[in-house]
Amino acid sequence: MLRTKYSEEIEKQMKAFYDTLNEKDQRRYAAIEAMKLGHGGQNYISSVLGCHFQTVMAGINEITNGIKTPDDRIRKPGGGKKKIIETEENIDEVFFEILKDNVAGSPMDKEIKWTNLSLKEISKAFESKGMNISPHVVKQLLKKHGFVERKMQKAATMKDCKDRNEQFEKILELKEEYSKSENPIISMDVKKKS
């Protein structure tokens, strides 16, 4: 049984201070307060601060046994919630199934690949397969599997060419005529020098 309890005003101040701390400092502050009170202090402090009893115990363990987290970390490595791309079963297989007909790449570098589907479209495709995967998680999956964002190189047409449509119609006409002759057709992309 706890012998000493703080006044209601002090309890409010303790809680207000506790709420300003990061997770590591909250554990240690709760531990110090509980250790000051002795037997029964852990339960009392966990109720005053609104934290779990195990949080107080973890803080006491860190302080008394010298268990440290690195200075730049709040939790031990491996602590915290795992990413959904690590925990969702078959997420990679379903991801590749969704993209299988929508992947393109660079002819110059086989490592560069992209998809013509938007993040929302991929997210909806996951939904249709019974998986709730947000566009944010889709972005993580694309990065994980080496997809790059495809950017258009040309932002605006340099000049308007009055015969542009006629050029393409003529090319199509020649192509159709040539294909009837059963000869191979080679397509080349060439740029006119100014």
N, C-alpha and C. Protein backbone atom coordinates (compact mmCIF):
# COMPACT_ATOMS: atom_id res chain seq x y z
N MET A 1 0.86 -1.20 0.00
CA MET A 1 0.00 0.00 0.00
C MET A 1 0.89 1.24 0.00
N LEU A 2 0.54 2.20 -0.84
CA LEU A 2 1.32 3.43 -0.97
C LEU A 2 1.06 4.33 0.23
N ARG A 3 2.16 4.80 0.82
CA ARG A 3 2.04 5.65 2.01
C ARG A 3 1.79 7.11 1.65
N THR A 4 2.41 7.60 0.58
CA THR A 4 2.32 9.02 0.23
C THR A 4 1.70 9.20 -1.14
N LYS A 5 0.78 10.15 -1.26
CA LYS A 5 0.23 10.54 -2.55
C LYS A 5 0.39 12.03 -2.70
N TYR A 6 0.53 12.47 -3.94
CA TYR A 6 0.68 13.90 -4.19
C TYR A 6 -0.69 14.56 -4.20
N SER A 7 -0.70 15.88 -4.04
CA SER A 7 -1.96 16.62 -4.12
C SER A 7 -2.45 16.61 -5.57
N GLU A 8 -3.71 16.92 -5.72
CA GLU A 8 -4.30 16.93 -7.06
C GLU A 8 -3.60 17.94 -7.96
N GLU A 9 -3.22 19.09 -7.39
CA GLU A 9 -2.52 20.14 -8.16
C GLU A 9 -1.16 19.64 -8.65
N ILE A 10 -0.41 18.97 -7.78
CA ILE A 10 0.92 18.43 -8.16
C ILE A 10 0.75 17.35 -9.21
N GLU A 11 -0.26 16.51 -9.06
CA GLU A 11 -0.51 15.45 -10.05
C GLU A 11 -0.77 16.06 -11.44
N LYS A 12 -1.54 17.16 -11.49
CA LYS A 12 -1.81 17.83 -12.76
C LYS A 12 -0.52 18.38 -13.36
N GLN A 13 0.34 18.98 -12.52
CA GLN A 13 1.61 19.53 -13.00
C GLN A 13 2.52 18.41 -13.53
N MET A 14 2.55 17.30 -12.82
CA MET A 14 3.36 16.15 -13.25
C MET A 14 2.91 15.66 -14.62
N LYS A 15 1.57 15.53 -14.77
CA LYS A 15 1.01 15.04 -16.03
C LYS A 15 1.30 16.01 -17.17
N ALA A 16 1.17 17.33 -16.89
CA ALA A 16 1.44 18.34 -17.92
C ALA A 16 2.90 18.28 -18.35
N PHE A 17 3.82 18.10 -17.40
CA PHE A 17 5.24 18.00 -17.71
C PHE A 17 5.53 16.72 -18.50
N TYR A 18 4.96 15.62 -18.05
CA TYR A 18 5.14 14.32 -18.70
C TYR A 18 4.74 14.38 -20.17
N ASP A 19 3.64 15.08 -20.46
CA ASP A 19 3.14 15.16 -21.84
C ASP A 19 4.05 15.96 -22.76
N THR A 20 4.97 16.75 -22.22
CA THR A 20 5.89 17.53 -23.06
C THR A 20 7.14 16.73 -23.44
N LEU A 21 7.34 15.57 -22.80
CA LEU A 21 8.56 14.79 -23.01
C LEU A 21 8.43 13.82 -24.18
N ASN A 22 9.59 13.43 -24.74
CA ASN A 22 9.56 12.37 -25.76
C ASN A 22 9.41 11.03 -25.04
N GLU A 23 9.25 9.98 -25.81
CA GLU A 23 8.94 8.66 -25.24
C GLU A 23 10.02 8.16 -24.27
N LYS A 24 11.28 8.33 -24.64
CA LYS A 24 12.38 7.87 -23.78
C LYS A 24 12.38 8.63 -22.45
N ASP A 25 12.24 9.96 -22.53
CA ASP A 25 12.25 10.76 -21.31
C ASP A 25 11.00 10.53 -20.45
N GLN A 26 9.87 10.23 -21.09
CA GLN A 26 8.66 9.90 -20.33
C GLN A 26 8.88 8.65 -19.50
N ARG A 27 9.48 7.62 -20.10
CA ARG A 27 9.76 6.37 -19.37
C ARG A 27 10.63 6.64 -18.15
N ARG A 28 11.67 7.41 -18.35
CA ARG A 28 12.63 7.65 -17.28
C ARG A 28 12.06 8.55 -16.18
N TYR A 29 11.28 9.55 -16.59
CA TYR A 29 10.65 10.41 -15.59
C TYR A 29 9.67 9.61 -14.74
N ALA A 30 8.85 8.78 -15.39
CA ALA A 30 7.89 7.94 -14.66
C ALA A 30 8.63 7.01 -13.71
N ALA A 31 9.76 6.47 -14.16
CA ALA A 31 10.54 5.56 -13.33
C ALA A 31 11.09 6.26 -12.10
N ILE A 32 11.64 7.44 -12.28
CA ILE A 32 12.22 8.20 -11.15
C ILE A 32 11.14 8.52 -10.11
N GLU A 33 9.97 8.98 -10.60
CA GLU A 33 8.88 9.30 -9.67
C GLU A 33 8.42 8.06 -8.91
N ALA A 34 8.31 6.94 -9.61
CA ALA A 34 7.87 5.69 -8.97
C ALA A 34 8.90 5.21 -7.95
N MET A 35 10.19 5.32 -8.29
CA MET A 35 11.25 4.86 -7.38
C MET A 35 11.31 5.73 -6.11
N LYS A 36 10.98 7.02 -6.23
CA LYS A 36 10.96 7.90 -5.06
C LYS A 36 9.91 7.45 -4.06
N LEU A 37 8.80 6.90 -4.57
CA LEU A 37 7.67 6.54 -3.71
C LEU A 37 7.80 5.14 -3.10
N GLY A 38 8.65 4.31 -3.69
CA GLY A 38 8.82 2.96 -3.15
C GLY A 38 7.68 2.03 -3.52
N HIS A 39 7.37 1.10 -2.59
CA HIS A 39 6.37 0.06 -2.83
C HIS A 39 5.02 0.66 -3.22
N GLY A 40 4.46 0.20 -4.35
CA GLY A 40 3.18 0.72 -4.83
C GLY A 40 3.31 1.94 -5.73
N GLY A 41 4.53 2.45 -5.84
CA GLY A 41 4.75 3.67 -6.63
C GLY A 41 4.50 3.48 -8.12
N GLN A 42 4.83 2.28 -8.63
CA GLN A 42 4.66 2.05 -10.08
C GLN A 42 3.20 2.18 -10.51
N ASN A 43 2.30 1.54 -9.73
CA ASN A 43 0.87 1.62 -10.07
C ASN A 43 0.33 3.03 -9.94
N TYR A 44 0.74 3.70 -8.88
CA TYR A 44 0.25 5.06 -8.64
C TYR A 44 0.72 6.01 -9.75
N ILE A 45 2.00 5.97 -10.07
CA ILE A 45 2.55 6.87 -11.09
C ILE A 45 1.97 6.56 -12.47
N SER A 46 1.77 5.27 -12.78
CA SER A 46 1.18 4.95 -14.08
C SER A 46 -0.24 5.50 -14.19
N SER A 47 -0.98 5.54 -13.07
CA SER A 47 -2.34 6.10 -13.12
C SER A 47 -2.30 7.63 -13.19
N VAL A 48 -1.36 8.26 -12.48
CA VAL A 48 -1.25 9.72 -12.51
C VAL A 48 -0.84 10.21 -13.90
N LEU A 49 0.15 9.55 -14.49
CA LEU A 49 0.68 10.00 -15.78
C LEU A 49 -0.09 9.45 -16.97
N GLY A 50 -0.95 8.46 -16.72
CA GLY A 50 -1.74 7.88 -17.81
C GLY A 50 -0.92 7.01 -18.73
N CYS A 51 0.11 6.37 -18.18
CA CYS A 51 0.93 5.48 -19.00
C CYS A 51 0.74 4.04 -18.51
N HIS A 52 1.23 3.11 -19.28
CA HIS A 52 1.10 1.70 -18.93
C HIS A 52 2.08 1.36 -17.82
N PHE A 53 1.69 0.44 -16.96
CA PHE A 53 2.55 -0.04 -15.88
C PHE A 53 3.90 -0.53 -16.43
N GLN A 54 3.87 -1.21 -17.59
CA GLN A 54 5.11 -1.74 -18.20
C GLN A 54 6.05 -0.62 -18.63
N THR A 55 5.50 0.54 -18.98
CA THR A 55 6.34 1.69 -19.35
C THR A 55 7.17 2.13 -18.15
N VAL A 56 6.52 2.19 -16.98
CA VAL A 56 7.23 2.55 -15.74
C VAL A 56 8.30 1.51 -15.45
N MET A 57 7.96 0.24 -15.57
CA MET A 57 8.91 -0.84 -15.30
C MET A 57 10.10 -0.80 -16.27
N ALA A 58 9.83 -0.50 -17.55
CA ALA A 58 10.91 -0.40 -18.54
C ALA A 58 11.85 0.74 -18.18
N GLY A 59 11.28 1.86 -17.73
CA GLY A 59 12.11 2.99 -17.31
C GLY A 59 12.97 2.65 -16.10
N ILE A 60 12.40 1.96 -15.12
CA ILE A 60 13.16 1.54 -13.93
C ILE A 60 14.30 0.61 -14.35
N ASN A 61 14.00 -0.30 -15.25
CA ASN A 61 15.02 -1.24 -15.75
C ASN A 61 16.16 -0.49 -16.44
N GLU A 62 15.83 0.53 -17.25
CA GLU A 62 16.86 1.32 -17.93
C GLU A 62 17.74 2.06 -16.93
N ILE A 63 17.11 2.62 -15.93
CA ILE A 63 17.87 3.42 -14.95
C ILE A 63 18.71 2.54 -14.04
N THR A 64 18.12 1.48 -13.51
CA THR A 64 18.85 0.65 -12.53
C THR A 64 19.87 -0.28 -13.17
N ASN A 65 19.60 -0.77 -14.38
CA ASN A 65 20.53 -1.71 -15.02
C ASN A 65 21.41 -1.07 -16.08
N GLY A 66 21.26 0.23 -16.26
CA GLY A 66 22.11 0.93 -17.21
C GLY A 66 21.83 0.58 -18.66
N ILE A 67 20.63 0.10 -18.98
CA ILE A 67 20.29 -0.20 -20.37
C ILE A 67 20.04 1.12 -21.06
N LYS A 68 20.82 1.35 -22.11
CA LYS A 68 20.73 2.63 -22.79
C LYS A 68 20.25 2.46 -24.22
N THR A 69 19.54 3.48 -24.68
CA THR A 69 19.26 3.56 -26.11
C THR A 69 20.28 4.57 -26.64
N PRO A 70 20.72 4.44 -27.90
CA PRO A 70 21.67 5.43 -28.43
C PRO A 70 21.12 6.84 -28.28
N ASP A 71 22.01 7.83 -28.11
CA ASP A 71 21.59 9.20 -27.85
C ASP A 71 20.63 9.76 -28.89
N ASP A 72 20.80 9.36 -30.14
CA ASP A 72 19.94 9.92 -31.18
C ASP A 72 18.66 9.12 -31.38
N ARG A 73 18.42 8.12 -30.54
CA ARG A 73 17.21 7.30 -30.67
C ARG A 73 16.33 7.46 -29.44
N ILE A 74 15.03 7.26 -29.63
CA ILE A 74 14.10 7.27 -28.52
C ILE A 74 13.81 5.85 -28.08
N ARG A 75 13.75 4.93 -29.05
CA ARG A 75 13.53 3.51 -28.76
C ARG A 75 14.77 2.73 -29.10
N LYS A 76 14.83 1.51 -28.57
CA LYS A 76 15.89 0.60 -28.98
C LYS A 76 15.69 0.27 -30.45
N PRO A 77 16.77 -0.09 -31.18
CA PRO A 77 16.59 -0.49 -32.58
C PRO A 77 15.58 -1.62 -32.68
N GLY A 78 14.71 -1.51 -33.67
CA GLY A 78 13.67 -2.53 -33.85
C GLY A 78 12.38 -2.19 -33.15
N GLY A 79 12.39 -1.13 -32.33
CA GLY A 79 11.18 -0.73 -31.63
C GLY A 79 10.24 0.01 -32.55
N GLY A 80 9.01 0.10 -32.19
CA GLY A 80 8.03 0.84 -32.97
C GLY A 80 7.24 -0.05 -33.91
N LYS A 81 6.28 0.56 -34.55
CA LYS A 81 5.39 -0.16 -35.45
C LYS A 81 6.12 -0.47 -36.76
N LYS A 82 5.97 -1.69 -37.22
CA LYS A 82 6.58 -2.11 -38.48
C LYS A 82 5.79 -1.52 -39.66
N LYS A 83 6.49 -1.28 -40.76
CA LYS A 83 5.84 -0.77 -41.96
C LYS A 83 4.94 -1.85 -42.54
N ILE A 84 3.84 -1.41 -43.15
CA ILE A 84 2.88 -2.37 -43.73
C ILE A 84 3.52 -3.17 -44.85
N ILE A 85 4.52 -2.59 -45.56
CA ILE A 85 5.16 -3.34 -46.65
C ILE A 85 6.01 -4.49 -46.11
N GLU A 86 6.28 -4.47 -44.80
CA GLU A 86 7.03 -5.56 -44.17
C GLU A 86 6.09 -6.58 -43.51
N THR A 87 4.88 -6.16 -43.18
CA THR A 87 3.99 -7.04 -42.41
C THR A 87 2.85 -7.64 -43.23
N GLU A 88 2.41 -6.97 -44.29
CA GLU A 88 1.27 -7.46 -45.09
C GLU A 88 1.69 -8.67 -45.91
N GLU A 89 0.98 -9.76 -45.71
CA GLU A 89 1.31 -11.01 -46.40
C GLU A 89 1.02 -10.89 -47.90
N ASN A 90 1.94 -11.38 -48.73
CA ASN A 90 1.81 -11.42 -50.20
C ASN A 90 1.72 -10.05 -50.86
N ILE A 91 2.11 -8.98 -50.17
CA ILE A 91 1.96 -7.64 -50.75
C ILE A 91 2.80 -7.48 -52.02
N ASP A 92 4.02 -8.05 -52.03
CA ASP A 92 4.88 -7.92 -53.20
C ASP A 92 4.31 -8.69 -54.40
N GLU A 93 3.81 -9.90 -54.16
CA GLU A 93 3.26 -10.70 -55.24
C GLU A 93 2.05 -10.01 -55.87
N VAL A 94 1.16 -9.47 -55.03
CA VAL A 94 -0.03 -8.78 -55.54
C VAL A 94 0.39 -7.51 -56.28
N PHE A 95 1.39 -6.81 -55.76
CA PHE A 95 1.91 -5.59 -56.39
C PHE A 95 2.39 -5.89 -57.81
N PHE A 96 3.19 -6.94 -57.98
CA PHE A 96 3.71 -7.29 -59.30
C PHE A 96 2.60 -7.78 -60.23
N GLU A 97 1.61 -8.44 -59.66
CA GLU A 97 0.47 -8.90 -60.47
C GLU A 97 -0.31 -7.69 -61.02
N ILE A 98 -0.48 -6.66 -60.19
CA ILE A 98 -1.18 -5.44 -60.62
C ILE A 98 -0.41 -4.74 -61.73
N LEU A 99 0.91 -4.72 -61.61
CA LEU A 99 1.74 -3.96 -62.55
C LEU A 99 2.14 -4.74 -63.80
N LYS A 100 1.90 -6.03 -63.85
CA LYS A 100 2.50 -6.88 -64.89
C LYS A 100 2.28 -6.37 -66.32
N ASP A 101 1.15 -5.77 -66.63
CA ASP A 101 0.89 -5.26 -67.98
C ASP A 101 1.09 -3.75 -68.09
N ASN A 102 1.64 -3.14 -67.05
CA ASN A 102 1.75 -1.69 -67.02
C ASN A 102 3.16 -1.22 -66.65
N VAL A 103 4.16 -1.97 -67.07
CA VAL A 103 5.54 -1.61 -66.75
C VAL A 103 6.28 -1.33 -68.05
N ALA A 104 7.06 -0.28 -68.06
CA ALA A 104 7.92 0.06 -69.19
C ALA A 104 9.29 0.41 -68.62
N GLY A 105 10.25 0.57 -69.50
CA GLY A 105 11.59 0.89 -69.03
C GLY A 105 12.40 1.60 -70.08
N SER A 106 13.62 1.91 -69.72
CA SER A 106 14.54 2.60 -70.61
C SER A 106 15.26 1.59 -71.49
N PRO A 107 15.28 1.80 -72.82
CA PRO A 107 16.02 0.88 -73.69
C PRO A 107 17.53 1.00 -73.48
N MET A 108 17.96 2.09 -72.87
CA MET A 108 19.39 2.33 -72.65
C MET A 108 19.89 1.76 -71.33
N ASP A 109 18.98 1.57 -70.37
CA ASP A 109 19.37 1.09 -69.05
C ASP A 109 18.27 0.18 -68.51
N LYS A 110 18.54 -1.13 -68.49
CA LYS A 110 17.50 -2.08 -68.07
C LYS A 110 17.13 -1.96 -66.59
N GLU A 111 17.95 -1.26 -65.81
CA GLU A 111 17.65 -1.06 -64.39
C GLU A 111 16.55 -0.01 -64.18
N ILE A 112 16.34 0.85 -65.19
CA ILE A 112 15.35 1.92 -65.05
C ILE A 112 14.00 1.41 -65.54
N LYS A 113 13.01 1.45 -64.66
CA LYS A 113 11.66 1.01 -65.03
C LYS A 113 10.64 1.91 -64.36
N TRP A 114 9.48 2.00 -64.98
CA TRP A 114 8.40 2.81 -64.43
C TRP A 114 7.07 2.18 -64.81
N THR A 115 6.02 2.73 -64.24
CA THR A 115 4.67 2.25 -64.57
C THR A 115 3.82 3.43 -65.01
N ASN A 116 2.85 3.16 -65.88
CA ASN A 116 1.96 4.23 -66.32
C ASN A 116 0.74 4.36 -65.42
N LEU A 117 0.65 3.53 -64.38
CA LEU A 117 -0.46 3.62 -63.42
C LEU A 117 -0.14 4.66 -62.35
N SER A 118 -1.15 5.39 -61.93
CA SER A 118 -0.95 6.37 -60.85
C SER A 118 -0.97 5.65 -59.50
N LEU A 119 -0.53 6.33 -58.46
CA LEU A 119 -0.56 5.77 -57.11
C LEU A 119 -1.98 5.39 -56.71
N LYS A 120 -2.96 6.24 -57.06
CA LYS A 120 -4.36 5.98 -56.71
C LYS A 120 -4.88 4.76 -57.46
N GLU A 121 -4.49 4.63 -58.73
CA GLU A 121 -4.96 3.48 -59.52
C GLU A 121 -4.43 2.17 -58.94
N ILE A 122 -3.17 2.17 -58.53
CA ILE A 122 -2.58 0.97 -57.94
C ILE A 122 -3.26 0.67 -56.61
N SER A 123 -3.51 1.73 -55.82
CA SER A 123 -4.19 1.57 -54.53
C SER A 123 -5.58 0.96 -54.71
N LYS A 124 -6.32 1.43 -55.73
CA LYS A 124 -7.66 0.89 -56.01
C LYS A 124 -7.58 -0.56 -56.47
N ALA A 125 -6.54 -0.90 -57.23
CA ALA A 125 -6.35 -2.28 -57.67
C ALA A 125 -6.11 -3.19 -56.47
N PHE A 126 -5.34 -2.72 -55.50
CA PHE A 126 -5.14 -3.49 -54.26
C PHE A 126 -6.49 -3.68 -53.55
N GLU A 127 -7.28 -2.60 -53.51
CA GLU A 127 -8.58 -2.65 -52.84
C GLU A 127 -9.48 -3.71 -53.48
N SER A 128 -9.43 -3.79 -54.83
CA SER A 128 -10.27 -4.77 -55.53
C SER A 128 -9.83 -6.21 -55.22
N LYS A 129 -8.62 -6.36 -54.70
CA LYS A 129 -8.11 -7.69 -54.32
C LYS A 129 -8.23 -7.91 -52.81
N GLY A 130 -9.00 -7.02 -52.15
CA GLY A 130 -9.27 -7.19 -50.72
C GLY A 130 -8.16 -6.70 -49.80
N MET A 131 -7.27 -5.84 -50.31
CA MET A 131 -6.17 -5.31 -49.48
C MET A 131 -6.30 -3.80 -49.40
N ASN A 132 -6.25 -3.26 -48.19
CA ASN A 132 -6.37 -1.82 -47.98
C ASN A 132 -4.97 -1.20 -47.96
N ILE A 133 -4.49 -0.81 -49.15
CA ILE A 133 -3.13 -0.26 -49.29
C ILE A 133 -3.27 1.18 -49.79
N SER A 134 -2.78 2.13 -49.01
CA SER A 134 -2.92 3.55 -49.36
C SER A 134 -1.93 3.95 -50.46
N PRO A 135 -2.19 5.08 -51.15
CA PRO A 135 -1.24 5.57 -52.15
C PRO A 135 0.16 5.81 -51.56
N HIS A 136 0.22 6.22 -50.30
CA HIS A 136 1.52 6.43 -49.64
C HIS A 136 2.31 5.13 -49.57
N VAL A 137 1.64 4.03 -49.24
CA VAL A 137 2.31 2.73 -49.17
C VAL A 137 2.69 2.26 -50.57
N VAL A 138 1.85 2.56 -51.57
CA VAL A 138 2.17 2.22 -52.96
C VAL A 138 3.47 2.90 -53.36
N LYS A 139 3.63 4.15 -52.97
CA LYS A 139 4.87 4.90 -53.27
C LYS A 139 6.07 4.19 -52.65
N GLN A 140 5.92 3.70 -51.43
CA GLN A 140 7.01 2.95 -50.77
C GLN A 140 7.33 1.67 -51.53
N LEU A 141 6.30 0.98 -52.03
CA LEU A 141 6.50 -0.25 -52.79
C LEU A 141 7.24 0.03 -54.10
N LEU A 142 6.85 1.10 -54.79
CA LEU A 142 7.52 1.46 -56.03
C LEU A 142 9.00 1.74 -55.79
N LYS A 143 9.29 2.44 -54.71
CA LYS A 143 10.68 2.75 -54.37
C LYS A 143 11.43 1.46 -54.01
N LYS A 144 10.80 0.61 -53.22
CA LYS A 144 11.42 -0.64 -52.78
C LYS A 144 11.84 -1.51 -53.96
N HIS A 145 11.00 -1.52 -55.01
CA HIS A 145 11.26 -2.39 -56.15
C HIS A 145 11.93 -1.67 -57.32
N GLY A 146 12.48 -0.48 -57.06
CA GLY A 146 13.32 0.19 -58.05
C GLY A 146 12.60 0.91 -59.17
N PHE A 147 11.32 1.25 -58.96
CA PHE A 147 10.61 2.01 -59.98
C PHE A 147 10.95 3.49 -59.83
N VAL A 148 11.09 4.17 -60.95
CA VAL A 148 11.38 5.60 -60.92
C VAL A 148 10.16 6.36 -61.44
N GLU A 149 10.09 7.62 -61.09
CA GLU A 149 9.00 8.45 -61.57
C GLU A 149 9.36 8.92 -62.97
N ARG A 150 8.49 8.66 -63.90
CA ARG A 150 8.79 9.05 -65.28
C ARG A 150 8.39 10.50 -65.48
N LYS A 151 9.36 11.29 -65.94
CA LYS A 151 9.09 12.71 -66.16
C LYS A 151 9.21 13.01 -67.65
N MET A 152 8.30 13.81 -68.12
CA MET A 152 8.37 14.23 -69.51
C MET A 152 9.53 15.21 -69.66
N GLN A 153 10.33 15.00 -70.68
CA GLN A 153 11.50 15.86 -70.87
C GLN A 153 11.12 17.20 -71.50
N LYS A 154 10.13 17.17 -72.36
CA LYS A 154 9.76 18.37 -73.09
C LYS A 154 8.52 18.97 -72.43
N ALA A 155 8.64 20.16 -71.90
CA ALA A 155 7.53 20.77 -71.19
C ALA A 155 6.55 21.46 -72.14
N ALA A 156 7.07 22.02 -73.23
CA ALA A 156 6.20 22.74 -74.16
C ALA A 156 6.74 22.60 -75.58
N THR A 157 5.84 22.66 -76.54
CA THR A 157 6.25 22.60 -77.94
C THR A 157 7.01 23.87 -78.27
N MET A 158 8.13 23.72 -78.98
CA MET A 158 8.96 24.88 -79.28
C MET A 158 8.28 25.80 -80.29
N LYS A 159 7.68 25.19 -81.31
CA LYS A 159 6.98 26.01 -82.30
C LYS A 159 5.84 25.20 -82.89
N ASP A 160 4.92 25.89 -83.48
CA ASP A 160 3.78 25.23 -84.10
C ASP A 160 4.09 24.99 -85.58
N CYS A 161 3.89 23.76 -86.01
CA CYS A 161 4.16 23.41 -87.41
C CYS A 161 2.82 23.18 -88.10
N LYS A 162 2.54 23.98 -89.12
CA LYS A 162 1.21 23.92 -89.74
C LYS A 162 0.93 22.60 -90.46
N ASP A 163 1.99 21.92 -90.91
CA ASP A 163 1.79 20.68 -91.67
C ASP A 163 2.02 19.42 -90.84
N ARG A 164 2.07 19.57 -89.52
CA ARG A 164 2.42 18.43 -88.67
C ARG A 164 1.46 17.25 -88.88
N ASN A 165 0.17 17.48 -88.87
CA ASN A 165 -0.79 16.39 -89.03
C ASN A 165 -0.64 15.71 -90.39
N GLU A 166 -0.43 16.51 -91.43
CA GLU A 166 -0.26 15.96 -92.77
C GLU A 166 0.97 15.06 -92.84
N GLN A 167 2.02 15.44 -92.10
CA GLN A 167 3.24 14.62 -92.07
C GLN A 167 2.93 13.22 -91.55
N PHE A 168 2.18 13.16 -90.45
CA PHE A 168 1.86 11.86 -89.85
C PHE A 168 0.90 11.05 -90.72
N GLU A 169 -0.01 11.74 -91.36
CA GLU A 169 -0.92 11.05 -92.28
C GLU A 169 -0.15 10.45 -93.45
N LYS A 170 0.84 11.18 -93.96
CA LYS A 170 1.66 10.70 -95.07
C LYS A 170 2.50 9.49 -94.62
N ILE A 171 3.06 9.57 -93.43
CA ILE A 171 3.86 8.45 -92.89
C ILE A 171 2.98 7.21 -92.76
N LEU A 172 1.76 7.38 -92.23
CA LEU A 172 0.83 6.26 -92.08
C LEU A 172 0.47 5.66 -93.45
N GLU A 173 0.24 6.52 -94.41
CA GLU A 173 -0.10 6.06 -95.76
C GLU A 173 1.06 5.25 -96.36
N LEU A 174 2.29 5.77 -96.22
CA LEU A 174 3.47 5.06 -96.73
C LEU A 174 3.68 3.73 -96.00
N LYS A 175 3.45 3.74 -94.70
CA LYS A 175 3.62 2.53 -93.89
C LYS A 175 2.66 1.44 -94.35
N GLU A 176 1.39 1.82 -94.53
CA GLU A 176 0.39 0.85 -94.96
C GLU A 176 0.73 0.29 -96.35
N GLU A 177 1.16 1.18 -97.23
CA GLU A 177 1.53 0.76 -98.59
C GLU A 177 2.72 -0.19 -98.55
N TYR A 178 3.71 0.16 -97.73
CA TYR A 178 4.93 -0.64 -97.64
C TYR A 178 4.67 -1.98 -96.98
N SER A 179 3.78 -2.00 -95.96
CA SER A 179 3.50 -3.26 -95.26
C SER A 179 2.81 -4.28 -96.14
N LYS A 180 2.08 -3.80 -97.15
CA LYS A 180 1.43 -4.71 -98.10
C LYS A 180 2.46 -5.44 -98.94
N SER A 181 3.64 -4.85 -99.08
CA SER A 181 4.70 -5.48 -99.87
C SER A 181 5.46 -6.55 -99.07
N GLU A 182 5.08 -6.74 -97.80
CA GLU A 182 5.66 -7.74 -96.89
C GLU A 182 7.14 -7.54 -96.59
N ASN A 183 7.60 -6.31 -96.73
CA ASN A 183 8.97 -5.97 -96.34
C ASN A 183 8.98 -5.53 -94.88
N PRO A 184 10.12 -5.69 -94.20
CA PRO A 184 10.17 -5.25 -92.80
C PRO A 184 10.07 -3.73 -92.69
N ILE A 185 9.49 -3.29 -91.59
CA ILE A 185 9.33 -1.85 -91.35
C ILE A 185 10.22 -1.47 -90.17
N ILE A 186 11.05 -0.45 -90.39
CA ILE A 186 11.94 0.04 -89.33
C ILE A 186 11.48 1.43 -88.95
N SER A 187 11.33 1.65 -87.65
CA SER A 187 10.92 2.96 -87.17
C SER A 187 12.12 3.67 -86.55
N MET A 188 12.37 4.90 -86.97
CA MET A 188 13.49 5.67 -86.42
C MET A 188 12.98 7.01 -85.94
N ASP A 189 13.48 7.42 -84.81
CA ASP A 189 13.15 8.72 -84.25
C ASP A 189 14.34 9.64 -84.52
N VAL A 190 14.16 10.60 -85.42
CA VAL A 190 15.28 11.48 -85.76
C VAL A 190 14.87 12.92 -85.50
N LYS A 191 15.84 13.72 -85.20
CA LYS A 191 15.60 15.14 -84.94
C LYS A 191 16.20 15.97 -86.07
N LYS A 192 15.46 16.95 -86.47
CA LYS A 192 15.94 17.86 -87.50
C LYS A 192 16.86 18.88 -86.86
N LYS A 193 18.04 19.10 -87.47
CA LYS A 193 18.96 20.12 -86.95
C LYS A 193 18.58 21.46 -87.52
N SER A 194 18.65 22.48 -86.67
CA SER A 194 18.29 23.83 -87.12
C SER A 194 19.41 24.43 -87.96
